[in-house]
N, C-alpha and C. Protein backbone atom coordinates (compact mmCIF):
# COMPACT_ATOMS: atom_id res chain seq x y z
N MET A 1 20.12 30.35 -7.96
CA MET A 1 19.62 28.80 -7.61
C MET A 1 19.97 28.23 -6.35
N PRO A 2 21.37 28.61 -5.86
CA PRO A 2 21.24 28.48 -4.40
C PRO A 2 20.12 27.89 -3.23
N GLU A 3 18.93 28.63 -3.43
CA GLU A 3 17.73 28.82 -2.48
C GLU A 3 17.60 27.66 -3.26
N LEU A 4 17.54 27.20 -4.41
CA LEU A 4 16.77 25.77 -4.49
C LEU A 4 17.77 24.58 -4.19
N ILE A 5 18.89 24.44 -4.15
CA ILE A 5 19.49 23.44 -4.20
C ILE A 5 19.41 23.42 -2.23
N ALA A 6 19.38 24.12 -1.74
CA ALA A 6 20.10 23.74 0.10
C ALA A 6 18.68 22.80 0.29
N PRO A 7 17.59 23.19 0.33
CA PRO A 7 17.03 21.77 0.77
C PRO A 7 17.15 20.44 0.57
N VAL A 8 17.60 20.50 -0.97
CA VAL A 8 17.90 18.98 -1.22
C VAL A 8 19.05 18.36 -0.45
N LEU A 9 20.44 19.48 -0.70
CA LEU A 9 21.28 19.62 0.10
C LEU A 9 20.61 19.05 1.74
N ALA A 10 20.17 19.35 2.08
CA ALA A 10 20.05 19.39 3.59
C ALA A 10 19.13 17.74 3.61
N CYS A 11 18.46 17.34 2.45
CA CYS A 11 18.03 16.11 2.77
C CYS A 11 18.51 14.88 2.49
N LEU A 12 19.95 15.38 1.72
CA LEU A 12 20.60 14.03 1.34
C LEU A 12 21.70 14.27 2.11
N ALA A 13 21.82 14.94 3.26
CA ALA A 13 23.03 15.41 4.30
C ALA A 13 23.83 13.68 4.45
N GLN A 14 23.23 12.80 5.33
CA GLN A 14 23.24 11.82 5.52
C GLN A 14 23.88 10.85 4.58
N GLN A 15 23.95 10.80 3.16
CA GLN A 15 24.37 10.11 2.06
C GLN A 15 25.98 10.64 2.07
N ALA A 16 26.55 9.39 1.40
CA ALA A 16 28.17 9.45 1.06
C ALA A 16 28.41 10.61 -0.05
N GLY A 17 29.13 11.36 0.20
CA GLY A 17 29.46 12.27 -1.22
C GLY A 17 29.32 11.87 -2.44
N SER A 18 29.58 10.37 -2.28
CA SER A 18 29.75 9.78 -4.04
C SER A 18 28.30 9.84 -4.09
N GLU A 19 27.33 9.14 -3.53
CA GLU A 19 26.25 8.79 -3.62
C GLU A 19 25.35 10.37 -4.00
N VAL A 20 25.90 11.48 -3.15
CA VAL A 20 25.10 12.48 -3.84
C VAL A 20 25.69 13.55 -4.97
N HIS A 21 27.13 13.30 -5.40
CA HIS A 21 27.08 13.20 -6.89
C HIS A 21 26.32 12.48 -8.22
N ALA A 22 26.13 11.39 -7.23
CA ALA A 22 25.30 10.51 -8.75
C ALA A 22 23.87 10.63 -8.63
N PHE A 23 23.19 10.88 -7.03
CA PHE A 23 22.14 11.84 -7.31
C PHE A 23 21.85 13.00 -8.71
N TRP A 24 22.77 13.85 -8.29
CA TRP A 24 22.33 15.11 -8.90
C TRP A 24 22.26 14.71 -10.56
N ILE A 25 23.30 13.91 -11.13
CA ILE A 25 23.90 13.66 -12.19
C ILE A 25 23.04 12.17 -12.97
N THR A 26 22.43 11.51 -12.82
CA THR A 26 21.73 10.43 -13.17
C THR A 26 20.43 10.65 -13.03
N GLY A 27 19.89 9.79 -14.80
CA GLY A 27 18.53 10.48 -14.54
C GLY A 27 18.14 9.65 -14.19
N ALA A 28 16.62 9.90 -13.58
CA ALA A 28 15.82 8.96 -12.78
C ALA A 28 14.62 8.37 -13.60
N ASP A 29 14.01 7.42 -13.53
CA ASP A 29 12.77 7.10 -13.99
C ASP A 29 11.63 8.12 -13.10
N GLU A 30 11.73 8.30 -12.04
CA GLU A 30 10.68 9.47 -11.26
C GLU A 30 10.57 10.55 -11.58
N LEU A 31 11.61 11.19 -12.33
CA LEU A 31 11.60 12.37 -12.21
C LEU A 31 11.58 12.43 -14.43
N ASN A 32 11.21 11.23 -15.23
CA ASN A 32 11.01 11.40 -16.33
C ASN A 32 12.12 11.12 -17.23
N GLU A 33 13.16 10.63 -16.85
CA GLU A 33 14.88 9.97 -17.49
C GLU A 33 15.48 11.20 -17.02
N LEU A 34 14.84 12.07 -16.72
CA LEU A 34 15.97 13.54 -16.15
C LEU A 34 16.81 13.29 -14.81
N ALA A 35 18.15 13.71 -14.90
CA ALA A 35 18.32 14.13 -13.91
C ALA A 35 18.22 15.26 -12.67
N PRO A 36 18.27 15.17 -11.58
CA PRO A 36 17.55 15.89 -10.91
C PRO A 36 18.48 17.53 -11.23
N ALA A 37 19.87 17.82 -11.48
CA ALA A 37 20.34 18.82 -11.57
C ALA A 37 19.58 19.17 -13.13
N GLU A 38 19.43 18.43 -13.89
CA GLU A 38 18.47 18.93 -14.99
C GLU A 38 17.48 19.96 -14.55
N LEU A 39 16.65 19.41 -13.90
CA LEU A 39 15.22 19.52 -13.37
C LEU A 39 15.31 20.71 -13.21
N LEU A 40 16.05 20.77 -11.63
CA LEU A 40 15.87 21.79 -10.54
C LEU A 40 16.15 22.95 -11.65
N ALA A 41 17.48 23.21 -12.67
CA ALA A 41 18.12 23.96 -13.05
C ALA A 41 17.00 24.69 -14.57
N GLY A 42 15.90 23.44 -14.62
CA GLY A 42 15.19 24.32 -16.20
C GLY A 42 15.77 23.98 -16.98
N CYS A 43 17.09 23.44 -17.32
CA CYS A 43 17.25 23.01 -18.28
C CYS A 43 18.12 21.43 -18.56
N PRO A 44 18.04 20.88 -20.04
CA PRO A 44 18.78 19.22 -20.00
C PRO A 44 20.37 19.89 -20.09
N PHE A 45 21.21 18.93 -19.48
CA PHE A 45 22.48 18.80 -19.86
C PHE A 45 23.04 19.30 -21.08
N ASP A 46 23.83 19.65 -21.85
CA ASP A 46 24.49 19.41 -23.15
C ASP A 46 24.68 18.77 -23.63
N THR A 47 25.22 17.69 -23.36
CA THR A 47 25.28 16.12 -23.87
C THR A 47 24.03 15.58 -24.26
N ARG A 48 23.32 15.85 -23.32
CA ARG A 48 21.64 15.23 -23.60
C ARG A 48 21.14 15.48 -24.65
N GLY A 49 20.43 14.43 -25.84
CA GLY A 49 20.04 14.31 -26.76
C GLY A 49 18.87 15.09 -26.89
N ALA A 50 17.80 14.78 -27.92
CA ALA A 50 16.40 15.23 -27.69
C ALA A 50 15.58 14.90 -26.75
N LEU A 51 15.05 15.81 -26.36
CA LEU A 51 14.21 15.43 -25.08
C LEU A 51 12.57 15.50 -25.83
N HIS A 52 12.08 14.49 -24.86
CA HIS A 52 10.56 14.25 -25.00
C HIS A 52 9.84 15.01 -24.80
N ALA A 53 8.60 15.47 -25.21
CA ALA A 53 8.19 16.04 -25.12
C ALA A 53 7.48 16.68 -23.40
N SER A 54 7.30 15.29 -22.84
CA SER A 54 6.91 15.28 -21.25
C SER A 54 8.26 15.69 -20.07
N GLN A 55 9.10 15.28 -21.05
CA GLN A 55 10.66 16.04 -20.32
C GLN A 55 10.59 17.67 -20.43
N GLN A 56 10.27 17.60 -21.57
CA GLN A 56 10.32 19.61 -21.87
C GLN A 56 9.19 20.32 -21.07
N ALA A 57 7.68 19.90 -21.04
CA ALA A 57 6.96 19.92 -19.62
C ALA A 57 7.48 19.83 -18.37
N LEU A 58 8.13 19.30 -18.42
CA LEU A 58 8.83 19.27 -16.72
C LEU A 58 9.86 20.31 -16.36
N LEU A 59 10.46 20.42 -17.57
CA LEU A 59 11.58 21.24 -17.31
C LEU A 59 10.96 22.84 -17.30
N GLY A 60 9.89 22.97 -17.74
CA GLY A 60 8.83 24.59 -18.17
C GLY A 60 8.72 24.53 -17.21
N LEU A 61 8.27 23.66 -15.76
CA LEU A 61 7.37 23.95 -14.63
C LEU A 61 7.90 25.58 -14.29
N PRO A 62 7.57 26.12 -12.97
CA PRO A 62 7.98 26.96 -12.08
C PRO A 62 9.11 26.36 -10.96
N SER A 63 10.17 27.48 -10.85
CA SER A 63 11.73 26.55 -10.14
C SER A 63 10.42 25.93 -9.18
N GLN A 64 9.84 26.41 -8.31
CA GLN A 64 9.17 26.15 -7.31
C GLN A 64 8.77 24.66 -7.27
N GLN A 65 8.18 24.32 -8.48
CA GLN A 65 7.26 23.42 -8.46
C GLN A 65 8.69 21.94 -9.02
N ARG A 66 9.28 22.76 -9.42
CA ARG A 66 10.57 21.96 -10.21
C ARG A 66 11.41 21.32 -8.64
N GLN A 67 11.70 22.16 -8.31
CA GLN A 67 12.32 22.16 -6.91
C GLN A 67 11.37 20.76 -5.91
N GLN A 68 10.14 21.31 -5.46
CA GLN A 68 9.45 20.47 -4.47
C GLN A 68 8.94 18.76 -5.87
N LYS A 69 9.90 18.54 -6.82
CA LYS A 69 9.77 17.43 -7.50
C LYS A 69 11.45 16.85 -7.14
N VAL A 70 12.01 17.71 -7.39
CA VAL A 70 13.61 17.28 -6.72
C VAL A 70 13.47 16.55 -5.71
N LEU A 71 13.00 17.96 -4.27
CA LEU A 71 13.19 17.29 -3.00
C LEU A 71 12.72 16.19 -2.83
N ALA A 72 10.87 15.74 -3.38
CA ALA A 72 10.47 14.56 -3.13
C ALA A 72 11.17 13.43 -3.67
N PHE A 73 12.17 13.54 -4.60
CA PHE A 73 13.03 12.37 -5.35
C PHE A 73 14.24 12.70 -4.10
N ALA A 74 14.52 13.53 -3.68
CA ALA A 74 15.97 13.32 -2.11
C ALA A 74 14.63 12.83 -1.40
N GLN A 75 14.09 13.09 -0.70
CA GLN A 75 13.76 12.15 0.65
C GLN A 75 13.44 10.96 0.08
N GLN A 76 13.30 10.46 -1.11
CA GLN A 76 12.77 9.21 -1.47
C GLN A 76 13.92 8.44 -1.57
N GLN A 77 14.86 8.93 -2.37
CA GLN A 77 16.31 8.40 -2.33
C GLN A 77 16.70 7.98 -0.65
N ALA A 78 16.62 9.56 -0.16
CA ALA A 78 17.26 9.40 1.45
C ALA A 78 16.87 7.89 2.39
N SER A 79 15.27 7.35 2.14
CA SER A 79 14.15 7.19 2.65
C SER A 79 14.92 5.59 2.31
N GLY A 80 15.26 5.67 1.17
CA GLY A 80 15.18 3.93 0.39
C GLY A 80 14.39 3.95 0.06
N LYS A 81 13.10 3.92 -0.47
CA LYS A 81 11.76 3.83 -0.90
C LYS A 81 11.45 4.38 -2.08
N ALA A 82 11.21 3.52 -3.19
CA ALA A 82 10.72 3.57 -4.42
C ALA A 82 9.64 3.78 -4.78
N VAL A 83 9.25 5.20 -5.28
CA VAL A 83 8.30 5.97 -5.50
C VAL A 83 8.07 6.81 -7.16
N VAL A 84 7.44 6.55 -7.80
CA VAL A 84 7.06 7.59 -9.01
C VAL A 84 6.58 9.25 -8.66
N ILE A 85 7.17 10.09 -9.19
CA ILE A 85 6.95 11.68 -8.65
C ILE A 85 6.42 12.31 -9.70
N GLY A 86 4.76 12.30 -9.80
CA GLY A 86 4.02 12.67 -10.97
C GLY A 86 4.38 14.13 -10.67
């Protein structure tokens, strides 16, 4: 999975370390309440309760599509603009 993470980390390079950490583990409206780490990995955190079907569908996407969604979200976060990523 490092090949999936590298472009996202590059996008977040100018962010403070604590912001990068929060980015990875915080559920986001733009990602259907999934955390970027969950979406990129394709599986929910062990501590997450039941998933909605739409969340399951996102987690079931091919890795490159999941990466594109997380990368788009990272770019949006880095620019400070709010956008819904479908």
